[in-house]
C-alpha atoms as a PDB file:
ATOM      1  CA  UNK A   1      85.418  81.466  92.928  1.00  0.00           C
ATOM      2  CA  UNK A   2      86.154  78.842  95.346  1.00  0.00           C
ATOM      3  CA  UNK A   3      89.134  80.993  96.192  1.00  0.00           C
ATOM      4  CA  UNK A   4      86.850  83.845  96.457  1.00  0.00           C
ATOM      5  CA  UNK A   5      84.925  81.774  99.031  1.00  0.00           C
ATOM      6  CA  UNK A   6      87.607  80.542 101.115  1.00  0.00           C
ATOM      7  CA  UNK A   7      89.306  83.866 101.691  1.00  0.00           C
ATOM      8  CA  UNK A   8      85.823  85.206 103.038  1.00  0.00           C
ATOM      9  CA  UNK A   9      85.651  82.355 104.843  1.00  0.00           C
ATOM     10  CA  UNK A  10      88.737  82.800 106.622  1.00  0.00           C
ATOM     11  CA  UNK A  11      88.187  86.594 107.339  1.00  0.00           C
ATOM     12  CA  UNK A  12      85.175  85.878 108.624  1.00  0.00           C
ATOM     13  CA  UNK A  13      86.226  82.918 110.889  1.00  0.00           C
ATOM     14  CA  UNK A  14      89.139  85.858 112.195  1.00  0.00           C
ATOM     15  CA  UNK A  15      87.200  88.470 112.574  1.00  0.00           C
ATOM     16  CA  UNK A  16      84.614  86.783 114.590  1.00  0.00           C
ATOM     17  CA  UNK A  17      87.080  84.793 116.866  1.00  0.00           C
ATOM     18  CA  UNK A  18      88.777  88.430 117.534  1.00  0.00           C
ATOM     19  CA  UNK A  19      85.918  90.451 118.381  1.00  0.00           C
ATOM     20  CA  UNK A  20      84.269  87.061 121.071  1.00  0.00           C
ATOM     21  CA  UNK A  21      87.766  87.617 122.586  1.00  0.00           C
ATOM     22  CA  UNK A  22      87.540  91.601 122.622  1.00  0.00           C
ATOM     23  CA  UNK A  23      83.724  91.877 122.770  1.00  0.00           C
ATOM     24  CA  UNK A  24      83.750  94.008 119.478  1.00  0.00           C
ATOM     25  CA  UNK A  25      80.419  93.483 118.438  1.00  0.00           C
ATOM     26  CA  UNK A  26      80.963  95.650 115.441  1.00  0.00           C
ATOM     27  CA  UNK A  27      83.263  93.512 114.314  1.00  0.00           C
ATOM     28  CA  UNK A  28      81.549  90.002 114.858  1.00  0.00           C
ATOM     29  CA  UNK A  29      78.882  92.060 112.326  1.00  0.00           C
ATOM     30  CA  UNK A  30      81.469  92.198 110.056  1.00  0.00           C
ATOM     31  CA  UNK A  31      83.005  88.535 110.404  1.00  0.00           C
ATOM     32  CA  UNK A  32      78.861  87.656 109.999  1.00  0.00           C
ATOM     33  CA  UNK A  33      78.702  89.630 106.790  1.00  0.00           C
ATOM     34  CA  UNK A  34      81.786  88.839 105.544  1.00  0.00           C
ATOM     35  CA  UNK A  35      80.582  84.948 105.625  1.00  0.00           C
ATOM     36  CA  UNK A  36      77.265  85.809 104.126  1.00  0.00           C
ATOM     37  CA  UNK A  37      79.616  87.309 100.650  1.00  0.00           C
ATOM     38  CA  UNK A  38      81.328  84.494 101.233  1.00  0.00           C
ATOM     39  CA  UNK A  39      78.575  82.318 100.961  1.00  0.00           C
ATOM     40  CA  UNK A  40      76.229  84.074  98.641  1.00  0.00           C
ATOM     41  CA  UNK A  41      78.454  85.153  96.083  1.00  0.00           C
ATOM     42  CA  UNK A  42      78.417  82.194  93.606  1.00  0.00           C
ATOM     43  CA  UNK A  43      75.180  81.212  93.887  1.00  0.00           C
ATOM     44  CA  UNK A  44      74.193  84.577  92.886  1.00  0.00           C
ATOM     45  CA  UNK A  45      77.292  85.039  89.986  1.00  0.00           C
ATOM     46  CA  UNK A  46      75.731  82.175  88.519  1.00  0.00           C
ATOM     47  CA  UNK A  47      71.848  83.479  88.822  1.00  0.00           C
ATOM     48  CA  UNK A  48      73.368  86.683  86.969  1.00  0.00           C
ATOM     49  CA  UNK A  49      75.534  84.826  84.694  1.00  0.00           C
ATOM     50  CA  UNK A  50      71.948  82.930  83.697  1.00  0.00           C
ATOM     51  CA  UNK A  51      69.726  86.099  83.632  1.00  0.00           C
ATOM     52  CA  UNK A  52      71.979  87.979  80.973  1.00  0.00           C
ATOM     53  CA  UNK A  53      72.484  85.150  78.627  1.00  0.00           C
ATOM     54  CA  UNK A  54      68.703  84.045  78.244  1.00  0.00           C
ATOM     55  CA  UNK A  55      68.687  88.173  78.043  1.00  0.00           C
ATOM     56  CA  UNK A  56      70.903  87.826  75.075  1.00  0.00           C
ATOM     57  CA  UNK A  57      69.832  84.977  73.121  1.00  0.00           C
ATOM     58  CA  UNK A  58      65.797  86.045  73.756  1.00  0.00           C
ATOM     59  CA  UNK A  59      67.219  89.641  72.175  1.00  0.00           C
ATOM     60  CA  UNK A  60      69.257  87.222  69.643  1.00  0.00           C
ATOM     61  CA  UNK A  61      66.354  85.542  68.344  1.00  0.00           C
ATOM     62  CA  UNK A  62      63.468  88.463  68.262  1.00  0.00           C
ATOM     63  CA  UNK A  63      65.338  89.562  65.145  1.00  0.00           C
END
């Protein structure tokens, strides 16, 4: 997961710098979206896994 975050942070940094130098707003927006994805992916994945496991365990205890 760390590699995933580093990849998206690096891509976002490159897109923002290039977009800023060339005055491309859409490229800078894409960079910020990559940054949001990179920083939000781990908590989302952990929460999804925890919720899925809780669902499976609650369903197993019902039977």
